[in-house]
């Protein structure tokens, strides 16, 4: 495991909501991140159907997006979500793990732009898709 992956894993595990939602980092590097969240009945939004709450899915997508920014070759020290637009395409299938795959596809001096997709086991039909912008805090040059 690389230092970057270990650092990212520790970072994600230190975020209380990520830990509570059971998020687990699967892949990280070169501006891309994949994080999974197992199905958990505590996060069901509609007890009649067993479908996960959209807030849990959006938290997963936001976390994966931030991780993709943090591992971008531009090497920011920190990042914060500025804007995240999520379009929900369909309900996640009850009982299935949700996977968020995020890519930081463009970086300016102070803002990074991402694309993110959340799927269940049917990867051909996304549960949700999103785009967003994140701040970039870079290491300060030493005088």
C-alpha atoms as a PDB file:
ATOM      1  CA  UNK A   1       0.000   0.000   0.000  1.00  0.00           C
ATOM      2  CA  UNK A   2       1.406   3.411  -0.969  1.00  0.00           C
ATOM      3  CA  UNK A   3       1.888   6.261   1.497  1.00  0.00           C
ATOM      4  CA  UNK A   4      -0.823   8.226  -0.331  1.00  0.00           C
ATOM      5  CA  UNK A   5      -3.295   5.360  -0.025  1.00  0.00           C
ATOM      6  CA  UNK A   6      -2.508   4.844   3.653  1.00  0.00           C
ATOM      7  CA  UNK A   7      -2.838   8.580   4.336  1.00  0.00           C
ATOM      8  CA  UNK A   8      -6.142   8.756   2.451  1.00  0.00           C
ATOM      9  CA  UNK A   9      -7.471   5.653   4.206  1.00  0.00           C
ATOM     10  CA  UNK A  10      -6.598   7.126   7.626  1.00  0.00           C
ATOM     11  CA  UNK A  11      -8.168  10.449   6.605  1.00  0.00           C
ATOM     12  CA  UNK A  12     -11.417   8.829   5.462  1.00  0.00           C
ATOM     13  CA  UNK A  13     -11.561   6.619   8.547  1.00  0.00           C
ATOM     14  CA  UNK A  14     -11.115   9.720  10.731  1.00  0.00           C
ATOM     15  CA  UNK A  15     -14.214  11.438   9.291  1.00  0.00           C
ATOM     16  CA  UNK A  16     -17.011  10.564  11.738  1.00  0.00           C
ATOM     17  CA  UNK A  17     -19.801  10.339   9.145  1.00  0.00           C
ATOM     18  CA  UNK A  18     -17.649   8.276   6.759  1.00  0.00           C
ATOM     19  CA  UNK A  19     -16.825   5.862   9.574  1.00  0.00           C
ATOM     20  CA  UNK A  20     -20.474   5.723  10.702  1.00  0.00           C
ATOM     21  CA  UNK A  21     -21.625   4.997   7.147  1.00  0.00           C
ATOM     22  CA  UNK A  22     -19.046   2.197   6.815  1.00  0.00           C
ATOM     23  CA  UNK A  23     -17.200   3.768   3.879  1.00  0.00           C
ATOM     24  CA  UNK A  24     -14.145   1.898   2.679  1.00  0.00           C
ATOM     25  CA  UNK A  25     -11.488   3.156   0.270  1.00  0.00           C
ATOM     26  CA  UNK A  26     -10.938   0.708  -2.605  1.00  0.00           C
ATOM     27  CA  UNK A  27      -8.763   2.604  -5.097  1.00  0.00           C
ATOM     28  CA  UNK A  28      -6.910   5.899  -5.053  1.00  0.00           C
ATOM     29  CA  UNK A  29      -4.401   7.612  -7.279  1.00  0.00           C
ATOM     30  CA  UNK A  30      -3.725  10.102 -10.035  1.00  0.00           C
ATOM     31  CA  UNK A  31      -6.877  12.114  -9.387  1.00  0.00           C
ATOM     32  CA  UNK A  32      -9.231   9.122  -9.132  1.00  0.00           C
ATOM     33  CA  UNK A  33     -10.894   7.568  -6.092  1.00  0.00           C
ATOM     34  CA  UNK A  34     -13.240   4.653  -5.544  1.00  0.00           C
ATOM     35  CA  UNK A  35     -15.034   4.294  -2.210  1.00  0.00           C
ATOM     36  CA  UNK A  36     -17.671   1.720  -1.292  1.00  0.00           C
ATOM     37  CA  UNK A  37     -20.461   1.832   1.265  1.00  0.00           C
ATOM     38  CA  UNK A  38     -22.137  -1.442   2.243  1.00  0.00           C
ATOM     39  CA  UNK A  39     -25.901  -1.589   2.538  1.00  0.00           C
ATOM     40  CA  UNK A  40     -27.042  -0.913   6.088  1.00  0.00           C
ATOM     41  CA  UNK A  41     -30.675  -0.859   7.223  1.00  0.00           C
ATOM     42  CA  UNK A  42     -29.870   2.070   9.549  1.00  0.00           C
ATOM     43  CA  UNK A  43     -29.607   4.283   6.456  1.00  0.00           C
ATOM     44  CA  UNK A  44     -32.812   3.260   4.716  1.00  0.00           C
ATOM     45  CA  UNK A  45     -34.837   6.272   3.638  1.00  0.00           C
ATOM     46  CA  UNK A  46     -38.050   4.414   2.845  1.00  0.00           C
ATOM     47  CA  UNK A  47     -38.833   1.463   5.131  1.00  0.00           C
ATOM     48  CA  UNK A  48     -41.538   0.253   2.737  1.00  0.00           C
ATOM     49  CA  UNK A  49     -38.997  -0.332  -0.046  1.00  0.00           C
ATOM     50  CA  UNK A  50     -35.692  -0.676   1.820  1.00  0.00           C
ATOM     51  CA  UNK A  51     -34.055   1.933  -0.434  1.00  0.00           C
ATOM     52  CA  UNK A  52     -31.094   3.824   1.042  1.00  0.00           C
ATOM     53  CA  UNK A  53     -31.581   7.499   1.881  1.00  0.00           C
ATOM     54  CA  UNK A  54     -30.210   9.871  -0.747  1.00  0.00           C
ATOM     55  CA  UNK A  55     -28.242  11.687   1.941  1.00  0.00           C
ATOM     56  CA  UNK A  56     -26.122   8.589   2.575  1.00  0.00           C
ATOM     57  CA  UNK A  57     -25.453   8.259  -1.167  1.00  0.00           C
ATOM     58  CA  UNK A  58     -24.559  11.957  -1.483  1.00  0.00           C
ATOM     59  CA  UNK A  59     -22.184  11.732   1.512  1.00  0.00           C
ATOM     60  CA  UNK A  60     -20.425   8.820  -0.199  1.00  0.00           C
ATOM     61  CA  UNK A  61     -20.162  10.756  -3.458  1.00  0.00           C
ATOM     62  CA  UNK A  62     -18.841  13.877  -1.702  1.00  0.00           C
ATOM     63  CA  UNK A  63     -16.214  11.862   0.186  1.00  0.00           C
ATOM     64  CA  UNK A  64     -15.033  10.088  -2.974  1.00  0.00           C
ATOM     65  CA  UNK A  65     -14.886  13.417  -4.799  1.00  0.00           C
ATOM     66  CA  UNK A  66     -12.764  15.034  -2.097  1.00  0.00           C
ATOM     67  CA  UNK A  67     -10.438  12.020  -2.121  1.00  0.00           C
ATOM     68  CA  UNK A  68     -10.003  12.339  -5.901  1.00  0.00           C
ATOM     69  CA  UNK A  69      -8.948  15.967  -5.447  1.00  0.00           C
ATOM     70  CA  UNK A  70      -6.541  15.086  -2.628  1.00  0.00           C
ATOM     71  CA  UNK A  71      -4.734  12.502  -4.772  1.00  0.00           C
ATOM     72  CA  UNK A  72      -4.517  14.668  -7.898  1.00  0.00           C
ATOM     73  CA  UNK A  73      -0.957  15.274  -9.137  1.00  0.00           C
ATOM     74  CA  UNK A  74      -1.424  18.988  -8.292  1.00  0.00           C
ATOM     75  CA  UNK A  75      -0.980  17.746  -4.686  1.00  0.00           C
ATOM     76  CA  UNK A  76      -3.218  20.010  -2.627  1.00  0.00           C
ATOM     77  CA  UNK A  77      -2.691  20.087   1.135  1.00  0.00           C
ATOM     78  CA  UNK A  78      -6.423  20.287   1.799  1.00  0.00           C
ATOM     79  CA  UNK A  79      -9.740  20.663   0.011  1.00  0.00           C
ATOM     80  CA  UNK A  80     -13.300  21.659   0.834  1.00  0.00           C
ATOM     81  CA  UNK A  81     -16.471  21.194  -1.212  1.00  0.00           C
ATOM     82  CA  UNK A  82     -17.567  24.429  -2.899  1.00  0.00           C
ATOM     83  CA  UNK A  83     -20.357  22.990  -5.023  1.00  0.00           C
ATOM     84  CA  UNK A  84     -21.689  19.490  -5.616  1.00  0.00           C
ATOM     85  CA  UNK A  85     -24.608  18.844  -7.935  1.00  0.00           C
ATOM     86  CA  UNK A  86     -26.021  15.334  -7.809  1.00  0.00           C
ATOM     87  CA  UNK A  87     -28.645  13.966 -10.178  1.00  0.00           C
ATOM     88  CA  UNK A  88     -30.391  10.847  -8.904  1.00  0.00           C
ATOM     89  CA  UNK A  89     -31.147   8.477 -11.760  1.00  0.00           C
ATOM     90  CA  UNK A  90     -32.889   5.639  -9.896  1.00  0.00           C
ATOM     91  CA  UNK A  91     -33.208   4.131  -6.407  1.00  0.00           C
ATOM     92  CA  UNK A  92     -30.297   1.991  -5.264  1.00  0.00           C
ATOM     93  CA  UNK A  93     -31.205  -1.679  -5.091  1.00  0.00           C
ATOM     94  CA  UNK A  94     -31.907  -2.665  -1.469  1.00  0.00           C
ATOM     95  CA  UNK A  95     -29.265  -4.937   0.019  1.00  0.00           C
ATOM     96  CA  UNK A  96     -26.507  -3.945  -2.410  1.00  0.00           C
ATOM     97  CA  UNK A  97     -23.243  -2.120  -1.762  1.00  0.00           C
ATOM     98  CA  UNK A  98     -22.971   1.344  -3.310  1.00  0.00           C
ATOM     99  CA  UNK A  99     -19.744   2.302  -5.085  1.00  0.00           C
ATOM    100  CA  UNK A 100     -18.723   5.891  -5.823  1.00  0.00           C
ATOM    101  CA  UNK A 101     -16.064   6.501  -8.479  1.00  0.00           C
ATOM    102  CA  UNK A 102     -14.793  10.070  -8.639  1.00  0.00           C
ATOM    103  CA  UNK A 103     -12.344  11.758 -10.958  1.00  0.00           C
ATOM    104  CA  UNK A 104     -10.699  15.146 -10.539  1.00  0.00           C
ATOM    105  CA  UNK A 105     -10.548  16.104 -14.226  1.00  0.00           C
ATOM    106  CA  UNK A 106      -9.435  19.752 -14.142  1.00  0.00           C
ATOM    107  CA  UNK A 107      -7.473  21.909 -11.720  1.00  0.00           C
ATOM    108  CA  UNK A 108      -6.943  25.662 -11.708  1.00  0.00           C
ATOM    109  CA  UNK A 109      -4.827  27.684  -9.286  1.00  0.00           C
ATOM    110  CA  UNK A 110      -7.488  27.534  -6.572  1.00  0.00           C
ATOM    111  CA  UNK A 111     -10.334  25.237  -7.695  1.00  0.00           C
ATOM    112  CA  UNK A 112     -10.547  21.564  -8.690  1.00  0.00           C
ATOM    113  CA  UNK A 113     -13.409  20.141 -10.755  1.00  0.00           C
ATOM    114  CA  UNK A 114     -14.745  16.618 -10.368  1.00  0.00           C
ATOM    115  CA  UNK A 115     -17.125  14.101 -11.903  1.00  0.00           C
ATOM    116  CA  UNK A 116     -18.573  11.297  -9.767  1.00  0.00           C
ATOM    117  CA  UNK A 117     -20.822   8.302 -10.405  1.00  0.00           C
ATOM    118  CA  UNK A 118     -22.534   6.081  -7.824  1.00  0.00           C
ATOM    119  CA  UNK A 119     -23.640   2.573  -8.748  1.00  0.00           C
ATOM    120  CA  UNK A 120     -24.931  -0.534  -7.073  1.00  0.00           C
ATOM    121  CA  UNK A 121     -24.181  -3.984  -8.533  1.00  0.00           C
ATOM    122  CA  UNK A 122     -25.766  -2.909 -11.852  1.00  0.00           C
ATOM    123  CA  UNK A 123     -22.857  -0.722 -12.950  1.00  0.00           C
ATOM    124  CA  UNK A 124     -24.407  -0.073 -16.375  1.00  0.00           C
ATOM    125  CA  UNK A 125     -27.242   1.905 -14.756  1.00  0.00           C
ATOM    126  CA  UNK A 126     -25.961   4.615 -12.387  1.00  0.00           C
ATOM    127  CA  UNK A 127     -27.834   5.348  -9.181  1.00  0.00           C
ATOM    128  CA  UNK A 128     -26.581   8.945  -9.268  1.00  0.00           C
ATOM    129  CA  UNK A 129     -24.150  11.157 -11.170  1.00  0.00           C
ATOM    130  CA  UNK A 130     -22.574  14.396 -10.058  1.00  0.00           C
ATOM    131  CA  UNK A 131     -20.257  17.249 -10.860  1.00  0.00           C
ATOM    132  CA  UNK A 132     -18.603  19.597  -8.445  1.00  0.00           C
ATOM    133  CA  UNK A 133     -15.981  22.126  -7.523  1.00  0.00           C
ATOM    134  CA  UNK A 134     -13.577  21.925  -4.583  1.00  0.00           C
ATOM    135  CA  UNK A 135     -11.169  24.455  -3.105  1.00  0.00           C
ATOM    136  CA  UNK A 136      -7.451  23.815  -3.348  1.00  0.00           C
ATOM    137  CA  UNK A 137      -5.183  24.699  -0.478  1.00  0.00           C
ATOM    138  CA  UNK A 138      -1.612  24.299  -1.567  1.00  0.00           C
ATOM    139  CA  UNK A 139       1.543  24.064   0.513  1.00  0.00           C
ATOM    140  CA  UNK A 140       3.041  27.482   1.073  1.00  0.00           C
ATOM    141  CA  UNK A 141       6.502  28.110  -0.266  1.00  0.00           C
ATOM    142  CA  UNK A 142       9.087  28.527   2.468  1.00  0.00           C
ATOM    143  CA  UNK A 143      10.782  31.963   2.487  1.00  0.00           C
END
